[in-house]
Amino acid sequence: MGKFTQWEGKAEMFAKMGWTEEVMFTIGIVEVAIAVLFLIPQTAFVAAILLTGYLGGAVATHVRVDDPFFFPILIGVLVWVALGLRQPVIFRLAIGQSSANTSVVDES
């Protein structure tokens, strides 16, 4: 919500990170669009990938200005856990198991 509302110190904080209020507003729109995509089951996987990239940029920005950067990482982990809870195949792929229950038997 901070990207869409006016509050004291907003311009200074964004300037410290190297962004203008206009750019942050646009980034906020992208963030909301990705969140909506995440809510739709058919587009949730692509949204999780997009959100991971978005949060990577947030981490890079915070590291660059020497701010704490753990929160975007935590949000990224929570996004993938939430997706894994909705689509258990995500957890199976993450630990290296095949999504198919087929096994190959060596017949030699």
PDB file of N, CA and C in Angstrom:
ATOM      1  N   MET A   1       0.823  -1.201   0.000  1.00  0.00           N
ATOM      2  CA  MET A   1       0.000   0.000   0.000  1.00  0.00           C
ATOM      3  C   MET A   1       0.861   1.257   0.000  1.00  0.00           C
ATOM      4  N   GLY A   2       2.093   1.159   0.469  1.00  0.00           N
ATOM      5  CA  GLY A   2       2.951   2.331   0.551  1.00  0.00           C
ATOM      6  C   GLY A   2       3.259   2.960  -0.788  1.00  0.00           C
ATOM      7  N   LYS A   3       3.156   2.184  -1.845  1.00  0.00           N
ATOM      8  CA  LYS A   3       3.420   2.723  -3.180  1.00  0.00           C
ATOM      9  C   LYS A   3       2.247   3.540  -3.714  1.00  0.00           C
ATOM     10  N   PHE A   4       1.063   3.354  -3.136  1.00  0.00           N
ATOM     11  CA  PHE A   4      -0.143   4.006  -3.650  1.00  0.00           C
ATOM     12  C   PHE A   4      -0.674   5.124  -2.760  1.00  0.00           C
ATOM     13  N   THR A   5      -0.185   5.226  -1.551  1.00  0.00           N
ATOM     14  CA  THR A   5      -0.675   6.259  -0.635  1.00  0.00           C
ATOM     15  C   THR A   5       0.407   7.309  -0.404  1.00  0.00           C
ATOM     16  N   GLN A   6      -0.026   8.474   0.024  1.00  0.00           N
ATOM     17  CA  GLN A   6       0.916   9.554   0.357  1.00  0.00           C
ATOM     18  C   GLN A   6       1.186   9.522   1.853  1.00  0.00           C
ATOM     19  N   TRP A   7       2.443   9.635   2.223  1.00  0.00           N
ATOM     20  CA  TRP A   7       2.821   9.672   3.626  1.00  0.00           C
ATOM     21  C   TRP A   7       4.121  10.454   3.763  1.00  0.00           C
ATOM     22  N   GLU A   8       4.322  10.953   4.948  1.00  0.00           N
ATOM     23  CA  GLU A   8       5.489  11.796   5.208  1.00  0.00           C
ATOM     24  C   GLU A   8       6.779  10.981   5.067  1.00  0.00           C
ATOM     25  N   GLY A   9       7.723  11.523   4.320  1.00  0.00           N
ATOM     26  CA  GLY A   9       9.009  10.863   4.131  1.00  0.00           C
ATOM     27  C   GLY A   9       9.069   9.910   2.962  1.00  0.00           C
ATOM     28  N   LYS A  10       7.956   9.769   2.232  1.00  0.00           N
ATOM     29  CA  LYS A  10       7.899   8.820   1.119  1.00  0.00           C
ATOM     30  C   LYS A  10       8.914   9.178   0.037  1.00  0.00           C
ATOM     31  N   ALA A  11       8.937  10.427  -0.389  1.00  0.00           N
ATOM     32  CA  ALA A  11       9.847  10.842  -1.457  1.00  0.00           C
ATOM     33  C   ALA A  11      11.300  10.643  -1.048  1.00  0.00           C
ATOM     34  N   GLU A  12      11.618  10.955   0.196  1.00  0.00           N
ATOM     35  CA  GLU A  12      12.992  10.809   0.679  1.00  0.00           C
ATOM     36  C   GLU A  12      13.410   9.339   0.717  1.00  0.00           C
ATOM     37  N   MET A  13      12.508   8.467   1.166  1.00  0.00           N
ATOM     38  CA  MET A  13      12.830   7.050   1.243  1.00  0.00           C
ATOM     39  C   MET A  13      13.058   6.466  -0.145  1.00  0.00           C
ATOM     40  N   PHE A  14      12.157   6.785  -1.073  1.00  0.00           N
ATOM     41  CA  PHE A  14      12.321   6.280  -2.439  1.00  0.00           C
ATOM     42  C   PHE A  14      13.576   6.857  -3.082  1.00  0.00           C
ATOM     43  N   ALA A  15      13.869   8.138  -2.809  1.00  0.00           N
ATOM     44  CA  ALA A  15      15.082   8.757  -3.363  1.00  0.00           C
ATOM     45  C   ALA A  15      16.332   8.070  -2.815  1.00  0.00           C
ATOM     46  N   LYS A  16      16.302   7.692  -1.549  1.00  0.00           N
ATOM     47  CA  LYS A  16      17.437   6.968  -0.962  1.00  0.00           C
ATOM     48  C   LYS A  16      17.697   5.664  -1.698  1.00  0.00           C
ATOM     49  N   MET A  17      16.622   5.008  -2.131  1.00  0.00           N
ATOM     50  CA  MET A  17      16.764   3.749  -2.867  1.00  0.00           C
ATOM     51  C   MET A  17      17.081   3.974  -4.338  1.00  0.00           C
ATOM     52  N   GLY A  18      16.970   5.231  -4.791  1.00  0.00           N
ATOM     53  CA  GLY A  18      17.285   5.531  -6.179  1.00  0.00           C
ATOM     54  C   GLY A  18      16.088   5.499  -7.112  1.00  0.00           C
ATOM     55  N   TRP A  19      14.884   5.593  -6.557  1.00  0.00           N
ATOM     56  CA  TRP A  19      13.658   5.533  -7.358  1.00  0.00           C
ATOM     57  C   TRP A  19      12.832   6.791  -7.132  1.00  0.00           C
ATOM     58  N   THR A  20      12.081   7.177  -8.160  1.00  0.00           N
ATOM     59  CA  THR A  20      11.135   8.286  -8.011  1.00  0.00           C
ATOM     60  C   THR A  20       9.788   7.729  -7.568  1.00  0.00           C
ATOM     61  N   GLU A  21       8.933   8.608  -7.093  1.00  0.00           N
ATOM     62  CA  GLU A  21       7.592   8.176  -6.692  1.00  0.00           C
ATOM     63  C   GLU A  21       6.807   7.637  -7.885  1.00  0.00           C
ATOM     64  N   GLU A  22       7.005   8.226  -9.054  1.00  0.00           N
ATOM     65  CA  GLU A  22       6.289   7.773 -10.254  1.00  0.00           C
ATOM     66  C   GLU A  22       6.703   6.350 -10.637  1.00  0.00           C
ATOM     67  N   VAL A  23       7.996   6.086 -10.568  1.00  0.00           N
ATOM     68  CA  VAL A  23       8.479   4.739 -10.896  1.00  0.00           C
ATOM     69  C   VAL A  23       7.949   3.736  -9.878  1.00  0.00           C
ATOM     70  N   MET A  24       7.953   4.104  -8.610  1.00  0.00           N
ATOM     71  CA  MET A  24       7.462   3.195  -7.583  1.00  0.00           C
ATOM     72  C   MET A  24       5.962   2.940  -7.734  1.00  0.00           C
ATOM     73  N   PHE A  25       5.215   3.936  -8.193  1.00  0.00           N
ATOM     74  CA  PHE A  25       3.794   3.725  -8.452  1.00  0.00           C
ATOM     75  C   PHE A  25       3.619   2.684  -9.550  1.00  0.00           C
ATOM     76  N   THR A  26       4.416   2.803 -10.613  1.00  0.00           N
ATOM     77  CA  THR A  26       4.351   1.831 -11.715  1.00  0.00           C
ATOM     78  C   THR A  26       4.746   0.440 -11.227  1.00  0.00           C
ATOM     79  N   ILE A  27       5.790   0.374 -10.422  1.00  0.00           N
ATOM     80  CA  ILE A  27       6.208  -0.914  -9.864  1.00  0.00           C
ATOM     81  C   ILE A  27       5.092  -1.489  -8.990  1.00  0.00           C
ATOM     82  N   GLY A  28       4.382  -0.646  -8.262  1.00  0.00           N
ATOM     83  CA  GLY A  28       3.251  -1.099  -7.453  1.00  0.00           C
ATOM     84  C   GLY A  28       2.145  -1.701  -8.308  1.00  0.00           C
ATOM     85  N   ILE A  29       1.884  -1.102  -9.462  1.00  0.00           N
ATOM     86  CA  ILE A  29       0.876  -1.655 -10.374  1.00  0.00           C
ATOM     87  C   ILE A  29       1.309  -3.033 -10.859  1.00  0.00           C
ATOM     88  N   VAL A  30       2.580  -3.158 -11.217  1.00  0.00           N
ATOM     89  CA  VAL A  30       3.102  -4.464 -11.654  1.00  0.00           C
ATOM     90  C   VAL A  30       2.970  -5.479 -10.519  1.00  0.00           C
ATOM     91  N   GLU A  31       3.291  -5.062  -9.307  1.00  0.00           N
ATOM     92  CA  GLU A  31       3.182  -5.936  -8.140  1.00  0.00           C
ATOM     93  C   GLU A  31       1.746  -6.426  -7.935  1.00  0.00           C
ATOM     94  N   VAL A  32       0.793  -5.550  -8.042  1.00  0.00           N
ATOM     95  CA  VAL A  32      -0.611  -5.932  -7.882  1.00  0.00           C
ATOM     96  C   VAL A  32      -1.043  -6.872  -9.012  1.00  0.00           C
ATOM     97  N   ALA A  33      -0.620  -6.585 -10.242  1.00  0.00           N
ATOM     98  CA  ALA A  33      -0.967  -7.449 -11.375  1.00  0.00           C
ATOM     99  C   ALA A  33      -0.419  -8.865 -11.170  1.00  0.00           C
ATOM    100  N   ILE A  34       0.806  -8.965 -10.680  1.00  0.00           N
ATOM    101  CA  ILE A  34       1.390 -10.287 -10.429  1.00  0.00           C
ATOM    102  C   ILE A  34       0.635 -10.997  -9.309  1.00  0.00           C
ATOM    103  N   ALA A  35       0.247 -10.250  -8.277  1.00  0.00           N
ATOM    104  CA  ALA A  35      -0.517 -10.842  -7.175  1.00  0.00           C
ATOM    105  C   ALA A  35      -1.853 -11.384  -7.669  1.00  0.00           C
ATOM    106  N   VAL A  36      -2.503 -10.658  -8.559  1.00  0.00           N
ATOM    107  CA  VAL A  36      -3.773 -11.140  -9.126  1.00  0.00           C
ATOM    108  C   VAL A  36      -3.535 -12.412  -9.935  1.00  0.00           C
ATOM    109  N   LEU A  37      -2.467 -12.426 -10.733  1.00  0.00           N
ATOM    110  CA  LEU A  37      -2.139 -13.634 -11.487  1.00  0.00           C
ATOM    111  C   LEU A  37      -1.878 -14.820 -10.549  1.00  0.00           C
ATOM    112  N   PHE A  38      -1.265 -14.550  -9.407  1.00  0.00           N
ATOM    113  CA  PHE A  38      -0.979 -15.611  -8.444  1.00  0.00           C
ATOM    114  C   PHE A  38      -2.263 -16.205  -7.867  1.00  0.00           C
ATOM    115  N   LEU A  39      -3.312 -15.412  -7.777  1.00  0.00           N
ATOM    116  CA  LEU A  39      -4.583 -15.892  -7.235  1.00  0.00           C
ATOM    117  C   LEU A  39      -5.329 -16.802  -8.201  1.00  0.00           C
ATOM    118  N   ILE A  40      -4.996 -16.733  -9.482  1.00  0.00           N
ATOM    119  CA  ILE A  40      -5.648 -17.562 -10.495  1.00  0.00           C
ATOM    120  C   ILE A  40      -4.843 -18.858 -10.618  1.00  0.00           C
ATOM    121  N   PRO A  41      -5.444 -20.010 -10.319  1.00  0.00           N
ATOM    122  CA  PRO A  41      -4.683 -21.265 -10.314  1.00  0.00           C
ATOM    123  C   PRO A  41      -3.938 -21.557 -11.623  1.00  0.00           C
ATOM    124  N   GLN A  42      -4.527 -21.227 -12.754  1.00  0.00           N
ATOM    125  CA  GLN A  42      -3.891 -21.524 -14.036  1.00  0.00           C
ATOM    126  C   GLN A  42      -2.649 -20.667 -14.297  1.00  0.00           C
ATOM    127  N   THR A  43      -2.533 -19.527 -13.655  1.00  0.00           N
ATOM    128  CA  THR A  43      -1.398 -18.634 -13.897  1.00  0.00           C
ATOM    129  C   THR A  43      -0.492 -18.486 -12.671  1.00  0.00           C
ATOM    130  N   ALA A  44      -0.775 -19.247 -11.625  1.00  0.00           N
ATOM    131  CA  ALA A  44      -0.034 -19.092 -10.365  1.00  0.00           C
ATOM    132  C   ALA A  44       1.449 -19.414 -10.524  1.00  0.00           C
ATOM    133  N   PHE A  45       1.794 -20.430 -11.297  1.00  0.00           N
ATOM    134  CA  PHE A  45       3.205 -20.802 -11.460  1.00  0.00           C
ATOM    135  C   PHE A  45       3.986 -19.693 -12.150  1.00  0.00           C
ATOM    136  N   VAL A  46       3.434 -19.158 -13.228  1.00  0.00           N
ATOM    137  CA  VAL A  46       4.101 -18.061 -13.935  1.00  0.00           C
ATOM    138  C   VAL A  46       4.191 -16.832 -13.020  1.00  0.00           C
ATOM    139  N   ALA A  47       3.142 -16.576 -12.263  1.00  0.00           N
ATOM    140  CA  ALA A  47       3.157 -15.437 -11.332  1.00  0.00           C
ATOM    141  C   ALA A  47       4.232 -15.617 -10.265  1.00  0.00           C
ATOM    142  N   ALA A  48       4.426 -16.842  -9.778  1.00  0.00           N
ATOM    143  CA  ALA A  48       5.463 -17.093  -8.780  1.00  0.00           C
ATOM    144  C   ALA A  48       6.844 -16.810  -9.362  1.00  0.00           C
ATOM    145  N   ILE A  49       7.058 -17.178 -10.611  1.00  0.00           N
ATOM    146  CA  ILE A  49       8.333 -16.881 -11.273  1.00  0.00           C
ATOM    147  C   ILE A  49       8.510 -15.365 -11.413  1.00  0.00           C
ATOM    148  N   LEU A  50       7.472 -14.673 -11.873  1.00  0.00           N
ATOM    149  CA  LEU A  50       7.543 -13.217 -12.014  1.00  0.00           C
ATOM    150  C   LEU A  50       7.773 -12.537 -10.668  1.00  0.00           C
ATOM    151  N   LEU A  51       7.088 -13.013  -9.648  1.00  0.00           N
ATOM    152  CA  LEU A  51       7.248 -12.423  -8.321  1.00  0.00           C
ATOM    153  C   LEU A  51       8.646 -12.671  -7.767  1.00  0.00           C
ATOM    154  N   THR A  52       9.219 -13.822  -8.077  1.00  0.00           N
ATOM    155  CA  THR A  52      10.588 -14.103  -7.656  1.00  0.00           C
ATOM    156  C   THR A  52      11.557 -13.112  -8.295  1.00  0.00           C
ATOM    157  N   GLY A  53      11.374 -12.821  -9.575  1.00  0.00           N
ATOM    158  CA  GLY A  53      12.206 -11.823 -10.241  1.00  0.00           C
ATOM    159  C   GLY A  53      12.014 -10.442  -9.645  1.00  0.00           C
ATOM    160  N   TYR A  54      10.781 -10.087  -9.396  1.00  0.00           N
ATOM    161  CA  TYR A  54      10.471  -8.792  -8.783  1.00  0.00           C
ATOM    162  C   TYR A  54      11.163  -8.667  -7.428  1.00  0.00           C
ATOM    163  N   LEU A  55      11.052  -9.710  -6.612  1.00  0.00           N
ATOM    164  CA  LEU A  55      11.658  -9.673  -5.283  1.00  0.00           C
ATOM    165  C   LEU A  55      13.181  -9.697  -5.351  1.00  0.00           C
ATOM    166  N   GLY A  56      13.725 -10.314  -6.390  1.00  0.00           N
ATOM    167  CA  GLY A  56      15.171 -10.259  -6.590  1.00  0.00           C
ATOM    168  C   GLY A  56      15.634  -8.828  -6.806  1.00  0.00           C
ATOM    169  N   GLY A  57      14.858  -8.068  -7.558  1.00  0.00           N
ATOM    170  CA  GLY A  57      15.165  -6.651  -7.741  1.00  0.00           C
ATOM    171  C   GLY A  57      15.059  -5.878  -6.439  1.00  0.00           C
ATOM    172  N   ALA A  58      14.080  -6.236  -5.614  1.00  0.00           N
ATOM    173  CA  ALA A  58      13.935  -5.577  -4.314  1.00  0.00           C
ATOM    174  C   ALA A  58      15.136  -5.884  -3.422  1.00  0.00           C
ATOM    175  N   VAL A  59      15.587  -7.132  -3.425  1.00  0.00           N
ATOM    176  CA  VAL A  59      16.762  -7.496  -2.635  1.00  0.00           C
ATOM    177  C   VAL A  59      17.981  -6.721  -3.121  1.00  0.00           C
ATOM    178  N   ALA A  60      18.174  -6.659  -4.438  1.00  0.00           N
ATOM    179  CA  ALA A  60      19.324  -5.936  -5.000  1.00  0.00           C
ATOM    180  C   ALA A  60      19.287  -4.462  -4.605  1.00  0.00           C
ATOM    181  N   THR A  61      18.111  -3.862  -4.649  1.00  0.00           N
ATOM    182  CA  THR A  61      17.983  -2.453  -4.268  1.00  0.00           C
ATOM    183  C   THR A  61      18.342  -2.253  -2.807  1.00  0.00           C
ATOM    184  N   HIS A  62      17.842  -3.109  -1.930  1.00  0.00           N
ATOM    185  CA  HIS A  62      18.126  -2.965  -0.501  1.00  0.00           C
ATOM    186  C   HIS A  62      19.600  -3.222  -0.196  1.00  0.00           C
ATOM    187  N   VAL A  63      20.200  -4.185  -0.861  1.00  0.00           N
ATOM    188  CA  VAL A  63      21.623  -4.451  -0.647  1.00  0.00           C
ATOM    189  C   VAL A  63      22.451  -3.253  -1.106  1.00  0.00           C
ATOM    190  N   ARG A  64      22.075  -2.676  -2.245  1.00  0.00           N
ATOM    191  CA  ARG A  64      22.816  -1.545  -2.803  1.00  0.00           C
ATOM    192  C   ARG A  64      22.847  -0.346  -1.858  1.00  0.00           C
ATOM    193  N   VAL A  65      21.752  -0.105  -1.152  1.00  0.00           N
ATOM    194  CA  VAL A  65      21.694   1.050  -0.247  1.00  0.00           C
ATOM    195  C   VAL A  65      21.952   0.659   1.209  1.00  0.00           C
ATOM    196  N   ASP A  66      22.411  -0.579   1.421  1.00  0.00           N
ATOM    197  CA  ASP A  66      22.783  -1.070   2.740  1.00  0.00           C
ATOM    198  C   ASP A  66      21.615  -1.065   3.723  1.00  0.00           C
ATOM    199  N   ASP A  67      20.436  -1.485   3.243  1.00  0.00           N
ATOM    200  CA  ASP A  67      19.257  -1.668   4.084  1.00  0.00           C
ATOM    201  C   ASP A  67      19.089  -3.155   4.375  1.00  0.00           C
ATOM    202  N   PRO A  68      18.330  -3.513   5.416  1.00  0.00           N
ATOM    203  CA  PRO A  68      18.025  -4.929   5.635  1.00  0.00           C
ATOM    204  C   PRO A  68      17.281  -5.500   4.422  1.00  0.00           C
ATOM    205  N   PHE A  69      17.655  -6.691   4.005  1.00  0.00           N
ATOM    206  CA  PHE A  69      17.089  -7.250   2.774  1.00  0.00           C
ATOM    207  C   PHE A  69      16.421  -8.606   2.982  1.00  0.00           C
ATOM    208  N   PHE A  70      16.209  -9.022   4.228  1.00  0.00           N
ATOM    209  CA  PHE A  70      15.646 -10.339   4.485  1.00  0.00           C
ATOM    210  C   PHE A  70      14.153 -10.435   4.177  1.00  0.00           C
ATOM    211  N   PHE A  71      13.423  -9.319   4.269  1.00  0.00           N
ATOM    212  CA  PHE A  71      11.970  -9.371   4.082  1.00  0.00           C
ATOM    213  C   PHE A  71      11.571  -9.813   2.671  1.00  0.00           C
ATOM    214  N   PRO A  72      12.158  -9.265   1.591  1.00  0.00           N
ATOM    215  CA  PRO A  72      11.783  -9.769   0.260  1.00  0.00           C
ATOM    216  C   PRO A  72      12.124 -11.245   0.065  1.00  0.00           C
ATOM    217  N   ILE A  73      13.205 -11.702   0.683  1.00  0.00           N
ATOM    218  CA  ILE A  73      13.563 -13.123   0.587  1.00  0.00           C
ATOM    219  C   ILE A  73      12.504 -13.960   1.291  1.00  0.00           C
ATOM    220  N   LEU A  74      12.090 -13.536   2.469  1.00  0.00           N
ATOM    221  CA  LEU A  74      11.057 -14.246   3.222  1.00  0.00           C
ATOM    222  C   LEU A  74       9.749 -14.306   2.434  1.00  0.00           C
ATOM    223  N   ILE A  75       9.374 -13.204   1.830  1.00  0.00           N
ATOM    224  CA  ILE A  75       8.143 -13.183   1.027  1.00  0.00           C
ATOM    225  C   ILE A  75       8.264 -14.153  -0.143  1.00  0.00           C
ATOM    226  N   GLY A  76       9.422 -14.188  -0.804  1.00  0.00           N
ATOM    227  CA  GLY A  76       9.635 -15.124  -1.913  1.00  0.00           C
ATOM    228  C   GLY A  76       9.495 -16.574  -1.480  1.00  0.00           C
ATOM    229  N   VAL A  77      10.066 -16.912  -0.337  1.00  0.00           N
ATOM    230  CA  VAL A  77       9.937 -18.283   0.186  1.00  0.00           C
ATOM    231  C   VAL A  77       8.472 -18.594   0.484  1.00  0.00           C
ATOM    232  N   LEU A  78       7.772 -17.647   1.097  1.00  0.00           N
ATOM    233  CA  LEU A  78       6.358 -17.858   1.410  1.00  0.00           C
ATOM    234  C   LEU A  78       5.513 -18.043   0.146  1.00  0.00           C
ATOM    235  N   VAL A  79       5.855 -17.323  -0.911  1.00  0.00           N
ATOM    236  CA  VAL A  79       5.123 -17.471  -2.177  1.00  0.00           C
ATOM    237  C   VAL A  79       5.257 -18.898  -2.702  1.00  0.00           C
ATOM    238  N   TRP A  80       6.493 -19.414  -2.698  1.00  0.00           N
ATOM    239  CA  TRP A  80       6.704 -20.769  -3.223  1.00  0.00           C
ATOM    240  C   TRP A  80       6.114 -21.828  -2.302  1.00  0.00           C
ATOM    241  N   VAL A  81       6.125 -21.606  -0.990  1.00  0.00           N
ATOM    242  CA  VAL A  81       5.474 -22.546  -0.069  1.00  0.00           C
ATOM    243  C   VAL A  81       3.968 -22.531  -0.304  1.00  0.00           C
ATOM    244  N   ALA A  82       3.399 -21.345  -0.462  1.00  0.00           N
ATOM    245  CA  ALA A  82       1.955 -21.255  -0.732  1.00  0.00           C
ATOM    246  C   ALA A  82       1.607 -21.968  -2.033  1.00  0.00           C
ATOM    247  N   LEU A  83       2.431 -21.769  -3.057  1.00  0.00           N
ATOM    248  CA  LEU A  83       2.169 -22.453  -4.329  1.00  0.00           C
ATOM    249  C   LEU A  83       2.302 -23.961  -4.164  1.00  0.00           C
ATOM    250  N   GLY A  84       3.287 -24.394  -3.396  1.00  0.00           N
ATOM    251  CA  GLY A  84       3.462 -25.826  -3.147  1.00  0.00           C
ATOM    252  C   GLY A  84       2.308 -26.431  -2.383  1.00  0.00           C
ATOM    253  N   LEU A  85       1.714 -25.664  -1.494  1.00  0.00           N
ATOM    254  CA  LEU A  85       0.543 -26.163  -0.773  1.00  0.00           C
ATOM    255  C   LEU A  85      -0.673 -26.267  -1.689  1.00  0.00           C
ATOM    256  N   ARG A  86      -0.769 -25.360  -2.655  1.00  0.00           N
ATOM    257  CA  ARG A  86      -1.878 -25.418  -3.622  1.00  0.00           C
ATOM    258  C   ARG A  86      -1.638 -26.461  -4.693  1.00  0.00           C
ATOM    259  N   GLN A  87      -0.380 -26.626  -5.096  1.00  0.00           N
ATOM    260  CA  GLN A  87      -0.016 -27.575  -6.155  1.00  0.00           C
ATOM    261  C   GLN A  87       1.144 -28.417  -5.646  1.00  0.00           C
ATOM    262  N   PRO A  88       0.869 -29.552  -5.003  1.00  0.00           N
ATOM    263  CA  PRO A  88       1.912 -30.362  -4.374  1.00  0.00           C
ATOM    264  C   PRO A  88       3.033 -30.817  -5.314  1.00  0.00           C
ATOM    265  N   VAL A  89       2.797 -30.800  -6.597  1.00  0.00           N
ATOM    266  CA  VAL A  89       3.851 -31.180  -7.539  1.00  0.00           C
ATOM    267  C   VAL A  89       5.054 -30.246  -7.409  1.00  0.00           C
ATOM    268  N   ILE A  90       4.840 -29.019  -6.967  1.00  0.00           N
ATOM    269  CA  ILE A  90       5.930 -28.057  -6.770  1.00  0.00           C
ATOM    270  C   ILE A  90       6.910 -28.592  -5.732  1.00  0.00           C
ATOM    271  N   PHE A  91       6.401 -29.134  -4.621  1.00  0.00           N
ATOM    272  CA  PHE A  91       7.279 -29.690  -3.592  1.00  0.00           C
ATOM    273  C   PHE A  91       8.023 -30.911  -4.116  1.00  0.00           C
ATOM    274  N   ARG A  92       7.336 -31.766  -4.872  1.00  0.00           N
ATOM    275  CA  ARG A  92       8.001 -32.949  -5.420  1.00  0.00           C
ATOM    276  C   ARG A  92       9.122 -32.555  -6.373  1.00  0.00           C
ATOM    277  N   LEU A  93       8.878 -31.556  -7.202  1.00  0.00           N
ATOM    278  CA  LEU A  93       9.920 -31.098  -8.120  1.00  0.00           C
ATOM    279  C   LEU A  93      11.069 -30.443  -7.362  1.00  0.00           C
ATOM    280  N   ALA A  94      10.763 -29.737  -6.288  1.00  0.00           N
ATOM    281  CA  ALA A  94      11.796 -29.045  -5.513  1.00  0.00           C
ATOM    282  C   ALA A  94      12.762 -30.019  -4.847  1.00  0.00           C
ATOM    283  N   ILE A  95      12.270 -31.188  -4.450  1.00  0.00           N
ATOM    284  CA  ILE A  95      13.160 -32.163  -3.806  1.00  0.00           C
ATOM    285  C   ILE A  95      13.706 -33.180  -4.798  1.00  0.00           C
ATOM    286  N   GLY A  96      13.411 -32.985  -6.076  1.00  0.00           N
ATOM    287  CA  GLY A  96      14.014 -33.810  -7.108  1.00  0.00           C
ATOM    288  C   GLY A  96      13.255 -35.061  -7.482  1.00  0.00           C
ATOM    289  N   GLN A  97      12.017 -35.186  -7.057  1.00  0.00           N
ATOM    290  CA  GLN A  97      11.215 -36.341  -7.445  1.00  0.00           C
ATOM    291  C   GLN A  97      10.481 -36.031  -8.732  1.00  0.00           C
ATOM    292  N   SER A  98      10.302 -37.059  -9.533  1.00  0.00           N
ATOM    293  CA  SER A  98       9.548 -36.893 -10.768  1.00  0.00           C
ATOM    294  C   SER A  98       8.073 -36.709 -10.433  1.00  0.00           C
ATOM    295  N   SER A  99       7.391 -35.943 -11.259  1.00  0.00           N
ATOM    296  CA  SER A  99       5.961 -35.758 -11.024  1.00  0.00           C
ATOM    297  C   SER A  99       5.161 -36.967 -11.464  1.00  0.00           C
ATOM    298  N   ALA A 100       5.749 -37.801 -12.303  1.00  0.00           N
ATOM    299  CA  ALA A 100       5.084 -39.026 -12.743  1.00  0.00           C
ATOM    300  C   ALA A 100       5.501 -40.162 -11.821  1.00  0.00           C
ATOM    301  N   ASN A 101       4.608 -41.091 -11.596  1.00  0.00           N
ATOM    302  CA  ASN A 101       4.913 -42.229 -10.744  1.00  0.00           C
ATOM    303  C   ASN A 101       5.390 -43.407 -11.564  1.00  0.00           C
ATOM    304  N   THR A 102       6.259 -43.171 -12.486  1.00  0.00           N
ATOM    305  CA  THR A 102       6.797 -44.250 -13.305  1.00  0.00           C
ATOM    306  C   THR A 102       8.179 -44.597 -12.835  1.00  0.00           C
ATOM    307  N   SER A 103       8.519 -45.833 -12.964  1.00  0.00           N
ATOM    308  CA  SER A 103       9.863 -46.262 -12.608  1.00  0.00           C
ATOM    309  C   SER A 103      10.451 -47.029 -13.775  1.00  0.00           C
ATOM    310  N   VAL A 104      11.733 -46.911 -13.944  1.00  0.00           N
ATOM    311  CA  VAL A 104      12.429 -47.583 -15.022  1.00  0.00           C
ATOM    312  C   VAL A 104      13.092 -48.816 -14.435  1.00  0.00           C
ATOM    313  N   VAL A 105      12.826 -49.950 -15.047  1.00  0.00           N
ATOM    314  CA  VAL A 105      13.390 -51.211 -14.570  1.00  0.00           C
ATOM    315  C   VAL A 105      14.468 -51.636 -15.544  1.00  0.00           C
ATOM    316  N   ASP A 106      15.646 -51.951 -15.043  1.00  0.00           N
ATOM    317  CA  ASP A 106      16.735 -52.433 -15.883  1.00  0.00           C
ATOM    318  C   ASP A 106      16.525 -53.913 -16.135  1.00  0.00           C
ATOM    319  N   GLU A 107      16.293 -54.290 -17.373  1.00  0.00           N
ATOM    320  CA  GLU A 107      15.976 -55.661 -17.705  1.00  0.00           C
ATOM    321  C   GLU A 107      17.188 -56.443 -18.197  1.00  0.00           C
ATOM    322  N   SER A 108      18.395 -55.993 -17.912  1.00  0.00           N
ATOM    323  CA  SER A 108      19.563 -56.739 -18.380  1.00  0.00           C
ATOM    324  C   SER A 108      20.005 -57.805 -17.419  1.00  0.00           C
TER     325      SER A 108
END
